[in-house]
């Protein structure tokens, strides 16, 4: 099992980032590169939770999203072709006095088969940079989306 800690500071508010994180419409891959549109399926959605299958590159997972606490969003893996056990993502948002927001993400990858265990090992070591880049790109994409919304 691999646990990866990521951090970014953004001009987006927690609400803006959560709005992007929970936008399951077409074009999601522009915000989250590891969520290809052809994998995306929303099974259920409520005011502060969703049950969604997403993925890319032959890897998929079904996630239960819970954003009932706007400063702490939990994505729990409920099914996957390679992830199981304690897998998921936890986002914690901290508003700063300067108007910026700190985002801390904990990603847990618990392989449920040989492919998952091997990929979990890779992700926890040399693959952390790939996750960091994807996270940084999602922060930039959500900032750009919010900038475009402010300009409109």
Foldseek 3Di string as FASTA:
>chain_A
DAKFKEKDKALDALVLLVCLVPPQDPPNCQLFVQFHNVQWDWPDDDPFWTWIWGGDDPWIFTWIWGCVPSQKIWTATPDIPWFDDRFTKIWGWDQDPVNMIMIMMMGDQDTPDPVSVVVSVCCRPVVVVVVNVSNVSNRVSSNVVVVVVVVD
